[in-house]
Amino acid sequence: MWGEAWVADSPLTIEAIRRALRSRTVGRRMCLYDEVASTNQALSELAVAGASDGTVVLAESQTAGRGRRDKCWFSPRGVNLYASVLLRPAIRPAAAPGFAVIASLAVADAIRDLGLQPAIKWPNDVLVRDGKVAGVRAELVTRGDRLNHVVLGVGVNLNVTAAALLLALGEAGRRATSLAERLGRPVDRNAFAAGFLNALDAWYAIYLRHGPAACHGAWRDLDIVTGRRVSIRGDSIAVDGRALGANVDGYLQVEGADGLIHTVASGEVRLLQ
């Protein structure tokens, strides 16, 4: 194994991804960069300039990649998947958290195609055998009371080594892993990117055709938080209790020690049991 990756990986190419792409909306336009501050930032700029529904930005590396709550996302060059997708669903802004679940569902589908069993930790972290392999960051722009667009950013650890994660992230690196580590072999990044985009396109179509409940049911099947004792900390929330599950809009219901039901929009979840 190499220091940061299981292999000296072949580069991402739009041509290789397109050969395996079957989507109707997602990926109709793709932009691939060698390096960006973050794929979400690059795509947000394209969105303001009028980029169409389904536009995708990918990068070999990020210098300022961010996960949820602005946490740094370790983005070494040429080993993982860093992608953002622009979507323009006709939904109300309050429904955006529930809409964002389609990104974690798509990542889970692509992981399952490799023969692994994924799980989802609220709101949208994807795990394999208790190790975090992917995260989703959703950014939305509104106009008045209407949603103009959503940028779904995804970071997936494909071929980065456990040693590299530990070196870069310290103690947090012990809770992270990569698909190559779980498989014991490298992952074809172009094939995985195409699989993710195909799955996201399918979930986007399901959401638009059947509404959030259809996606929520699939998300609930992968959820590992419901029924567990949790501690949640965020900018405006601090609650310990038992997770009752997320509603179709993506908000987590938690029964606190005081017996009250708290509705949590975002926060860092620690599983207590």
C-alpha atoms as a PDB file:
ATOM      1  CA  MET A   1       0.000   0.000   0.000  1.00  0.00           C
ATOM      2  CA  TRP A   2       0.992   3.576  -0.627  1.00  0.00           C
ATOM      3  CA  GLY A   3       1.121   6.228   2.072  1.00  0.00           C
ATOM      4  CA  GLU A   4      -2.217   7.835   1.300  1.00  0.00           C
ATOM      5  CA  ALA A   5      -3.828   5.263  -0.971  1.00  0.00           C
ATOM      6  CA  TRP A   6      -4.084   1.569  -1.600  1.00  0.00           C
ATOM      7  CA  VAL A   7      -2.891   2.121  -5.189  1.00  0.00           C
ATOM      8  CA  ALA A   8      -1.371   4.790  -7.389  1.00  0.00           C
ATOM      9  CA  ASP A   9      -4.887   5.350  -8.689  1.00  0.00           C
ATOM     10  CA  SER A  10      -5.803   6.188 -12.263  1.00  0.00           C
ATOM     11  CA  PRO A  11      -7.238   9.698 -12.602  1.00  0.00           C
ATOM     12  CA  LEU A  12     -10.907  10.533 -12.806  1.00  0.00           C
ATOM     13  CA  THR A  13     -12.027  11.289 -16.355  1.00  0.00           C
ATOM     14  CA  ILE A  14     -15.385  12.473 -17.628  1.00  0.00           C
ATOM     15  CA  GLU A  15     -15.088  10.035 -20.548  1.00  0.00           C
ATOM     16  CA  ALA A  16     -14.693   7.016 -18.255  1.00  0.00           C
ATOM     17  CA  ILE A  17     -17.585   8.117 -16.046  1.00  0.00           C
ATOM     18  CA  ARG A  18     -19.870   8.766 -19.009  1.00  0.00           C
ATOM     19  CA  ARG A  19     -19.264   5.275 -20.409  1.00  0.00           C
ATOM     20  CA  ALA A  20     -21.056   3.856 -17.360  1.00  0.00           C
ATOM     21  CA  LEU A  21     -23.584   6.673 -16.928  1.00  0.00           C
ATOM     22  CA  ARG A  22     -27.265   5.823 -17.489  1.00  0.00           C
ATOM     23  CA  SER A  23     -28.843   8.849 -15.809  1.00  0.00           C
ATOM     24  CA  ARG A  24     -31.346  11.172 -17.457  1.00  0.00           C
ATOM     25  CA  THR A  25     -30.769  14.324 -15.408  1.00  0.00           C
ATOM     26  CA  VAL A  26     -27.786  13.987 -13.087  1.00  0.00           C
ATOM     27  CA  GLY A  27     -24.528  14.377 -14.974  1.00  0.00           C
ATOM     28  CA  ARG A  28     -25.872  15.830 -18.207  1.00  0.00           C
ATOM     29  CA  ARG A  29     -23.215  18.470 -17.620  1.00  0.00           C
ATOM     30  CA  MET A  30     -20.039  17.534 -15.742  1.00  0.00           C
ATOM     31  CA  CYS A  31     -17.054  19.658 -14.787  1.00  0.00           C
ATOM     32  CA  LEU A  32     -13.870  18.007 -13.519  1.00  0.00           C
ATOM     33  CA  TYR A  33     -11.177  20.043 -11.779  1.00  0.00           C
ATOM     34  CA  ASP A  34      -7.707  19.073 -10.666  1.00  0.00           C
ATOM     35  CA  GLU A  35      -8.051  21.155  -7.501  1.00  0.00           C
ATOM     36  CA  VAL A  36     -10.723  23.418  -6.008  1.00  0.00           C
ATOM     37  CA  ALA A  37     -11.330  24.997  -2.632  1.00  0.00           C
ATOM     38  CA  SER A  38     -14.438  22.810  -2.483  1.00  0.00           C
ATOM     39  CA  THR A  39     -16.703  21.244  -5.079  1.00  0.00           C
ATOM     40  CA  ASN A  40     -19.719  22.840  -3.359  1.00  0.00           C
ATOM     41  CA  GLN A  41     -18.205  26.294  -3.734  1.00  0.00           C
ATOM     42  CA  ALA A  42     -17.300  25.717  -7.375  1.00  0.00           C
ATOM     43  CA  LEU A  43     -20.783  24.436  -8.173  1.00  0.00           C
ATOM     44  CA  SER A  44     -22.498  27.228  -6.231  1.00  0.00           C
ATOM     45  CA  GLU A  45     -20.746  29.720  -8.491  1.00  0.00           C
ATOM     46  CA  LEU A  46     -21.983  27.821 -11.553  1.00  0.00           C
ATOM     47  CA  ALA A  47     -25.497  27.748 -10.093  1.00  0.00           C
ATOM     48  CA  VAL A  48     -25.552  31.536  -9.744  1.00  0.00           C
ATOM     49  CA  ALA A  49     -24.472  31.759 -13.380  1.00  0.00           C
ATOM     50  CA  GLY A  50     -27.483  29.649 -14.387  1.00  0.00           C
ATOM     51  CA  ALA A  51     -26.183  26.067 -14.456  1.00  0.00           C
ATOM     52  CA  SER A  52     -28.898  23.545 -15.202  1.00  0.00           C
ATOM     53  CA  ASP A  53     -30.561  20.900 -13.055  1.00  0.00           C
ATOM     54  CA  GLY A  54     -28.248  17.906 -12.641  1.00  0.00           C
ATOM     55  CA  THR A  55     -24.924  19.714 -13.204  1.00  0.00           C
ATOM     56  CA  VAL A  56     -22.049  17.891 -11.485  1.00  0.00           C
ATOM     57  CA  VAL A  57     -18.677  19.155 -10.271  1.00  0.00           C
ATOM     58  CA  LEU A  58     -15.912  16.697  -9.397  1.00  0.00           C
ATOM     59  CA  ALA A  59     -12.356  17.319  -8.237  1.00  0.00           C
ATOM     60  CA  GLU A  60      -9.192  15.337  -7.683  1.00  0.00           C
ATOM     61  CA  SER A  61      -8.512  17.315  -4.517  1.00  0.00           C
ATOM     62  CA  GLN A  62      -9.989  20.035  -2.307  1.00  0.00           C
ATOM     63  CA  THR A  63      -8.027  22.603  -0.349  1.00  0.00           C
ATOM     64  CA  ALA A  64     -10.950  23.669   1.861  1.00  0.00           C
ATOM     65  CA  GLY A  65     -13.455  20.829   1.722  1.00  0.00           C
ATOM     66  CA  ARG A  66     -16.113  21.036   4.413  1.00  0.00           C
ATOM     67  CA  GLY A  67     -18.514  18.545   5.876  1.00  0.00           C
ATOM     68  CA  ARG A  68     -21.532  19.282   8.038  1.00  0.00           C
ATOM     69  CA  ARG A  69     -21.217  22.162  10.505  1.00  0.00           C
ATOM     70  CA  ASP A  70     -18.151  23.371   8.573  1.00  0.00           C
ATOM     71  CA  LYS A  71     -15.917  20.548   9.752  1.00  0.00           C
ATOM     72  CA  CYS A  72     -12.865  20.039   7.560  1.00  0.00           C
ATOM     73  CA  TRP A  73     -13.128  17.109   5.138  1.00  0.00           C
ATOM     74  CA  PHE A  74      -9.755  15.468   4.542  1.00  0.00           C
ATOM     75  CA  SER A  75      -9.343  15.612   0.751  1.00  0.00           C
ATOM     76  CA  PRO A  76      -6.065  14.034  -0.426  1.00  0.00           C
ATOM     77  CA  ARG A  77      -5.389  14.072  -4.146  1.00  0.00           C
ATOM     78  CA  GLY A  78      -6.418  11.287  -6.464  1.00  0.00           C
ATOM     79  CA  VAL A  79      -7.713   8.715  -3.991  1.00  0.00           C
ATOM     80  CA  ASN A  80     -11.343   9.467  -3.109  1.00  0.00           C
ATOM     81  CA  LEU A  81     -14.536  10.911  -4.567  1.00  0.00           C
ATOM     82  CA  TYR A  82     -15.311  14.593  -4.052  1.00  0.00           C
ATOM     83  CA  ALA A  83     -18.470  15.533  -5.936  1.00  0.00           C
ATOM     84  CA  SER A  84     -21.271  18.080  -5.831  1.00  0.00           C
ATOM     85  CA  VAL A  85     -24.573  17.941  -7.705  1.00  0.00           C
ATOM     86  CA  LEU A  86     -26.880  20.861  -8.477  1.00  0.00           C
ATOM     87  CA  LEU A  87     -30.590  20.096  -8.232  1.00  0.00           C
ATOM     88  CA  ARG A  88     -33.561  22.397  -8.649  1.00  0.00           C
ATOM     89  CA  PRO A  89     -36.564  20.590  -7.108  1.00  0.00           C
ATOM     90  CA  ALA A  90     -39.850  22.458  -6.699  1.00  0.00           C
ATOM     91  CA  ILE A  91     -40.013  22.045  -2.920  1.00  0.00           C
ATOM     92  CA  ARG A  92     -40.374  24.388   0.028  1.00  0.00           C
ATOM     93  CA  PRO A  93     -37.138  25.361   1.821  1.00  0.00           C
ATOM     94  CA  ALA A  94     -38.223  23.601   5.034  1.00  0.00           C
ATOM     95  CA  ALA A  95     -38.303  20.302   3.132  1.00  0.00           C
ATOM     96  CA  ALA A  96     -34.661  20.557   2.030  1.00  0.00           C
ATOM     97  CA  PRO A  97     -33.234  18.411   4.878  1.00  0.00           C
ATOM     98  CA  GLY A  98     -35.585  15.596   3.899  1.00  0.00           C
ATOM     99  CA  PHE A  99     -34.648  16.026   0.259  1.00  0.00           C
ATOM    100  CA  ALA A 100     -30.945  15.718   1.085  1.00  0.00           C
ATOM    101  CA  VAL A 101     -31.412  12.083   2.116  1.00  0.00           C
ATOM    102  CA  ILE A 102     -31.319  11.094  -1.555  1.00  0.00           C
ATOM    103  CA  ALA A 103     -27.563  11.760  -1.559  1.00  0.00           C
ATOM    104  CA  SER A 104     -26.841   9.333   1.282  1.00  0.00           C
ATOM    105  CA  LEU A 105     -29.174   6.778  -0.284  1.00  0.00           C
ATOM    106  CA  ALA A 106     -27.265   7.048  -3.570  1.00  0.00           C
ATOM    107  CA  VAL A 107     -23.920   6.600  -1.811  1.00  0.00           C
ATOM    108  CA  ALA A 108     -25.345   3.584   0.014  1.00  0.00           C
ATOM    109  CA  ASP A 109     -26.495   2.045  -3.278  1.00  0.00           C
ATOM    110  CA  ALA A 110     -23.053   2.492  -4.846  1.00  0.00           C
ATOM    111  CA  ILE A 111     -21.441   0.908  -1.777  1.00  0.00           C
ATOM    112  CA  ARG A 112     -23.862  -2.008  -1.856  1.00  0.00           C
ATOM    113  CA  ASP A 113     -22.877  -2.640  -5.480  1.00  0.00           C
ATOM    114  CA  LEU A 114     -19.357  -3.354  -4.183  1.00  0.00           C
ATOM    115  CA  GLY A 115     -20.694  -6.101  -1.924  1.00  0.00           C
ATOM    116  CA  LEU A 116     -20.598  -4.128   1.331  1.00  0.00           C
ATOM    117  CA  GLN A 117     -23.469  -3.377   3.704  1.00  0.00           C
ATOM    118  CA  PRO A 118     -23.841   0.372   4.380  1.00  0.00           C
ATOM    119  CA  ALA A 119     -25.655   2.091   7.230  1.00  0.00           C
ATOM    120  CA  ILE A 120     -26.725   5.705   7.715  1.00  0.00           C
ATOM    121  CA  LYS A 121     -26.198   7.743  10.860  1.00  0.00           C
ATOM    122  CA  TRP A 122     -28.465  10.777  11.067  1.00  0.00           C
ATOM    123  CA  PRO A 123     -28.486  13.065   9.347  1.00  0.00           C
ATOM    124  CA  ASN A 124     -26.510  11.726   6.383  1.00  0.00           C
ATOM    125  CA  ASP A 125     -23.233  10.076   7.394  1.00  0.00           C
ATOM    126  CA  VAL A 126     -22.673   6.740   5.663  1.00  0.00           C
ATOM    127  CA  LEU A 127     -20.910   3.987   7.584  1.00  0.00           C
ATOM    128  CA  VAL A 128     -19.612   0.503   6.854  1.00  0.00           C
ATOM    129  CA  ARG A 129     -19.071  -1.741   9.876  1.00  0.00           C
ATOM    130  CA  ASP A 130     -19.166   1.272  12.233  1.00  0.00           C
ATOM    131  CA  GLY A 131     -16.541   3.237  10.307  1.00  0.00           C
ATOM    132  CA  LYS A 132     -17.537   6.459   8.557  1.00  0.00           C
ATOM    133  CA  VAL A 133     -16.819   6.274   4.831  1.00  0.00           C
ATOM    134  CA  ALA A 134     -18.874   9.190   3.496  1.00  0.00           C
ATOM    135  CA  GLY A 135     -20.530  12.442   4.422  1.00  0.00           C
ATOM    136  CA  VAL A 136     -23.066  14.731   2.770  1.00  0.00           C
ATOM    137  CA  ARG A 137     -23.206  18.517   2.903  1.00  0.00           C
ATOM    138  CA  ALA A 138     -26.364  20.164   1.554  1.00  0.00           C
ATOM    139  CA  GLU A 139     -26.430  23.876   0.773  1.00  0.00           C
ATOM    140  CA  LEU A 140     -29.588  25.627  -0.367  1.00  0.00           C
ATOM    141  CA  VAL A 141     -30.392  28.998  -1.865  1.00  0.00           C
ATOM    142  CA  THR A 142     -33.858  30.490  -1.553  1.00  0.00           C
ATOM    143  CA  ARG A 143     -35.695  33.291  -3.289  1.00  0.00           C
ATOM    144  CA  GLY A 144     -38.374  34.634  -1.025  1.00  0.00           C
ATOM    145  CA  ASP A 145     -40.292  31.639   0.270  1.00  0.00           C
ATOM    146  CA  ARG A 146     -39.194  29.405  -2.615  1.00  0.00           C
ATOM    147  CA  LEU A 147     -36.197  27.132  -2.996  1.00  0.00           C
ATOM    148  CA  ASN A 148     -34.038  28.180  -5.930  1.00  0.00           C
ATOM    149  CA  HIS A 149     -31.594  25.267  -5.810  1.00  0.00           C
ATOM    150  CA  VAL A 150     -29.820  22.718  -3.654  1.00  0.00           C
ATOM    151  CA  VAL A 151     -26.142  21.763  -3.910  1.00  0.00           C
ATOM    152  CA  LEU A 152     -25.542  18.257  -2.605  1.00  0.00           C
ATOM    153  CA  GLY A 153     -21.871  17.765  -1.793  1.00  0.00           C
ATOM    154  CA  VAL A 154     -20.545  14.269  -1.178  1.00  0.00           C
ATOM    155  CA  GLY A 155     -17.162  13.087   0.049  1.00  0.00           C
ATOM    156  CA  VAL A 156     -16.508   9.345  -0.091  1.00  0.00           C
ATOM    157  CA  ASN A 157     -13.341   7.700   1.220  1.00  0.00           C
ATOM    158  CA  LEU A 158     -12.491   5.213  -1.491  1.00  0.00           C
ATOM    159  CA  ASN A 159      -8.776   4.343  -1.490  1.00  0.00           C
ATOM    160  CA  VAL A 160      -7.296   6.399   1.346  1.00  0.00           C
ATOM    161  CA  THR A 161      -5.554   4.267   3.977  1.00  0.00           C
ATOM    162  CA  ALA A 162      -6.402   4.044   7.660  1.00  0.00           C
ATOM    163  CA  ALA A 163      -2.898   5.297   8.453  1.00  0.00           C
ATOM    164  CA  ALA A 164      -3.402   8.418   6.346  1.00  0.00           C
ATOM    165  CA  LEU A 165      -6.772   9.135   7.993  1.00  0.00           C
ATOM    166  CA  LEU A 166      -5.272   8.783  11.450  1.00  0.00           C
ATOM    167  CA  LEU A 167      -2.318  10.999  10.601  1.00  0.00           C
ATOM    168  CA  ALA A 168      -4.527  13.738   9.130  1.00  0.00           C
ATOM    169  CA  LEU A 169      -7.482  13.620  11.533  1.00  0.00           C
ATOM    170  CA  GLY A 170      -6.010  12.450  14.816  1.00  0.00           C
ATOM    171  CA  GLU A 171      -8.485  10.765  17.130  1.00  0.00           C
ATOM    172  CA  ALA A 172     -11.357  11.425  14.724  1.00  0.00           C
ATOM    173  CA  GLY A 173      -9.472   9.327  12.185  1.00  0.00           C
ATOM    174  CA  ARG A 174     -10.097   6.243  14.306  1.00  0.00           C
ATOM    175  CA  ARG A 175     -13.806   6.554  13.574  1.00  0.00           C
ATOM    176  CA  ALA A 176     -13.226   6.903   9.828  1.00  0.00           C
ATOM    177  CA  THR A 177     -12.319   4.307   7.239  1.00  0.00           C
ATOM    178  CA  SER A 178     -12.376   3.782   3.485  1.00  0.00           C
ATOM    179  CA  LEU A 179     -14.084   1.326   1.181  1.00  0.00           C
ATOM    180  CA  ALA A 180     -10.716  -0.115   0.185  1.00  0.00           C
ATOM    181  CA  GLU A 181      -9.941  -0.797   3.845  1.00  0.00           C
ATOM    182  CA  ARG A 182     -13.260  -2.596   4.249  1.00  0.00           C
ATOM    183  CA  LEU A 183     -12.921  -4.522   0.983  1.00  0.00           C
ATOM    184  CA  GLY A 184      -9.237  -5.329   1.227  1.00  0.00           C
ATOM    185  CA  ARG A 185      -8.738  -4.128  -2.338  1.00  0.00           C
ATOM    186  CA  PRO A 186      -8.753  -0.830  -4.251  1.00  0.00           C
ATOM    187  CA  VAL A 187     -11.900   0.730  -5.671  1.00  0.00           C
ATOM    188  CA  ASP A 188     -12.243   1.935  -9.271  1.00  0.00           C
ATOM    189  CA  ARG A 189     -13.038   5.617  -8.737  1.00  0.00           C
ATOM    190  CA  ASN A 190     -14.552   6.231 -12.174  1.00  0.00           C
ATOM    191  CA  ALA A 191     -16.878   3.242 -11.844  1.00  0.00           C
ATOM    192  CA  PHE A 192     -17.890   4.285  -8.326  1.00  0.00           C
ATOM    193  CA  ALA A 193     -18.559   7.877  -9.448  1.00  0.00           C
ATOM    194  CA  ALA A 194     -20.809   6.634 -12.247  1.00  0.00           C
ATOM    195  CA  GLY A 195     -22.617   4.272  -9.885  1.00  0.00           C
ATOM    196  CA  PHE A 196     -23.243   7.074  -7.417  1.00  0.00           C
ATOM    197  CA  LEU A 197     -24.534   9.464 -10.100  1.00  0.00           C
ATOM    198  CA  ASN A 198     -26.801   6.777 -11.585  1.00  0.00           C
ATOM    199  CA  ALA A 199     -28.241   6.030  -8.154  1.00  0.00           C
ATOM    200  CA  LEU A 200     -28.718   9.718  -7.332  1.00  0.00           C
ATOM    201  CA  ASP A 201     -30.554  10.238 -10.615  1.00  0.00           C
ATOM    202  CA  ALA A 202     -32.869   7.337  -9.774  1.00  0.00           C
ATOM    203  CA  TRP A 203     -33.593   8.628  -6.254  1.00  0.00           C
ATOM    204  CA  TYR A 204     -34.168  12.153  -7.596  1.00  0.00           C
ATOM    205  CA  ALA A 205     -36.773  10.766 -10.003  1.00  0.00           C
ATOM    206  CA  ILE A 206     -38.434   8.782  -7.198  1.00  0.00           C
ATOM    207  CA  TYR A 207     -38.586  11.891  -5.009  1.00  0.00           C
ATOM    208  CA  LEU A 208     -40.137  14.017  -7.753  1.00  0.00           C
ATOM    209  CA  ARG A 209     -42.606  11.317  -8.767  1.00  0.00           C
ATOM    210  CA  HIS A 210     -43.640   9.869  -5.409  1.00  0.00           C
ATOM    211  CA  GLY A 211     -42.627  12.463  -2.828  1.00  0.00           C
ATOM    212  CA  PRO A 212     -40.406  12.306   0.249  1.00  0.00           C
ATOM    213  CA  ALA A 213     -42.163   9.361   1.916  1.00  0.00           C
ATOM    214  CA  ALA A 214     -40.846   6.933  -0.710  1.00  0.00           C
ATOM    215  CA  CYS A 215     -37.254   7.996  -0.014  1.00  0.00           C
ATOM    216  CA  HIS A 216     -37.778   8.204   3.723  1.00  0.00           C
ATOM    217  CA  GLY A 217     -38.788   4.566   3.918  1.00  0.00           C
ATOM    218  CA  ALA A 218     -35.569   3.434   2.238  1.00  0.00           C
ATOM    219  CA  TRP A 219     -33.516   5.773   4.434  1.00  0.00           C
ATOM    220  CA  ARG A 220     -35.195   4.414   7.572  1.00  0.00           C
ATOM    221  CA  ASP A 221     -34.184   0.866   6.600  1.00  0.00           C
ATOM    222  CA  LEU A 222     -30.506   1.931   6.811  1.00  0.00           C
ATOM    223  CA  ASP A 223     -30.838   4.171   9.874  1.00  0.00           C
ATOM    224  CA  ILE A 224     -28.834   3.132  12.948  1.00  0.00           C
ATOM    225  CA  VAL A 225     -29.901   5.958  15.275  1.00  0.00           C
ATOM    226  CA  THR A 226     -33.604   5.302  15.863  1.00  0.00           C
ATOM    227  CA  GLY A 227     -34.242   3.652  19.208  1.00  0.00           C
ATOM    228  CA  ARG A 228     -30.769   4.403  20.533  1.00  0.00           C
ATOM    229  CA  ARG A 229     -29.810   6.660  23.427  1.00  0.00           C
ATOM    230  CA  VAL A 230     -28.081   9.677  21.943  1.00  0.00           C
ATOM    231  CA  SER A 231     -26.338  12.877  22.899  1.00  0.00           C
ATOM    232  CA  ILE A 232     -26.802  15.706  20.406  1.00  0.00           C
ATOM    233  CA  ARG A 233     -24.866  18.948  20.439  1.00  0.00           C
ATOM    234  CA  GLY A 234     -25.215  21.794  17.975  1.00  0.00           C
ATOM    235  CA  ASP A 235     -25.116  25.563  17.711  1.00  0.00           C
ATOM    236  CA  SER A 236     -28.534  25.913  19.331  1.00  0.00           C
ATOM    237  CA  ILE A 237     -29.264  22.465  20.707  1.00  0.00           C
ATOM    238  CA  ALA A 238     -28.043  20.287  23.562  1.00  0.00           C
ATOM    239  CA  VAL A 239     -30.208  17.277  24.290  1.00  0.00           C
ATOM    240  CA  ASP A 240     -29.676  13.774  25.626  1.00  0.00           C
ATOM    241  CA  GLY A 241     -32.362  11.170  25.252  1.00  0.00           C
ATOM    242  CA  ARG A 242     -33.753   8.422  23.062  1.00  0.00           C
ATOM    243  CA  ALA A 243     -33.991   8.930  19.312  1.00  0.00           C
ATOM    244  CA  LEU A 244     -37.499   8.299  18.057  1.00  0.00           C
ATOM    245  CA  GLY A 245     -36.552   8.634  14.404  1.00  0.00           C
ATOM    246  CA  ALA A 246     -36.487  11.253  11.690  1.00  0.00           C
ATOM    247  CA  ASN A 247     -39.638  12.578  10.071  1.00  0.00           C
ATOM    248  CA  VAL A 248     -40.106  12.860   6.297  1.00  0.00           C
ATOM    249  CA  ASP A 249     -38.655  16.376   6.354  1.00  0.00           C
ATOM    250  CA  GLY A 250     -35.411  15.038   7.835  1.00  0.00           C
ATOM    251  CA  TYR A 251     -35.780  16.392  11.376  1.00  0.00           C
ATOM    252  CA  LEU A 252     -34.846  14.025  14.206  1.00  0.00           C
ATOM    253  CA  GLN A 253     -37.330  13.473  17.022  1.00  0.00           C
ATOM    254  CA  VAL A 254     -35.680  12.898  20.412  1.00  0.00           C
ATOM    255  CA  GLU A 255     -37.421  12.127  23.700  1.00  0.00           C
ATOM    256  CA  GLY A 256     -35.415  13.911  26.369  1.00  0.00           C
ATOM    257  CA  ALA A 257     -34.926  12.909  29.979  1.00  0.00           C
ATOM    258  CA  ASP A 258     -37.636  15.452  30.834  1.00  0.00           C
ATOM    259  CA  GLY A 259     -40.153  13.481  28.767  1.00  0.00           C
ATOM    260  CA  LEU A 260     -40.464  16.243  26.190  1.00  0.00           C
ATOM    261  CA  ILE A 261     -40.115  15.547  22.475  1.00  0.00           C
ATOM    262  CA  HIS A 262     -37.397  17.659  20.879  1.00  0.00           C
ATOM    263  CA  THR A 263     -37.286  18.256  17.133  1.00  0.00           C
ATOM    264  CA  VAL A 264     -33.679  18.558  15.996  1.00  0.00           C
ATOM    265  CA  ALA A 265     -32.778  20.133  12.650  1.00  0.00           C
ATOM    266  CA  SER A 266     -29.004  19.601  12.849  1.00  0.00           C
ATOM    267  CA  GLY A 267     -26.278  18.682  15.271  1.00  0.00           C
ATOM    268  CA  GLU A 268     -23.538  16.234  16.087  1.00  0.00           C
ATOM    269  CA  VAL A 269     -24.893  12.876  17.226  1.00  0.00           C
ATOM    270  CA  ARG A 270     -23.047  10.634  19.651  1.00  0.00           C
ATOM    271  CA  LEU A 271     -24.492   7.179  20.199  1.00  0.00           C
ATOM    272  CA  LEU A 272     -24.635   6.303  23.892  1.00  0.00           C
ATOM    273  CA  GLN A 273     -25.931   2.752  23.493  1.00  0.00           C
END
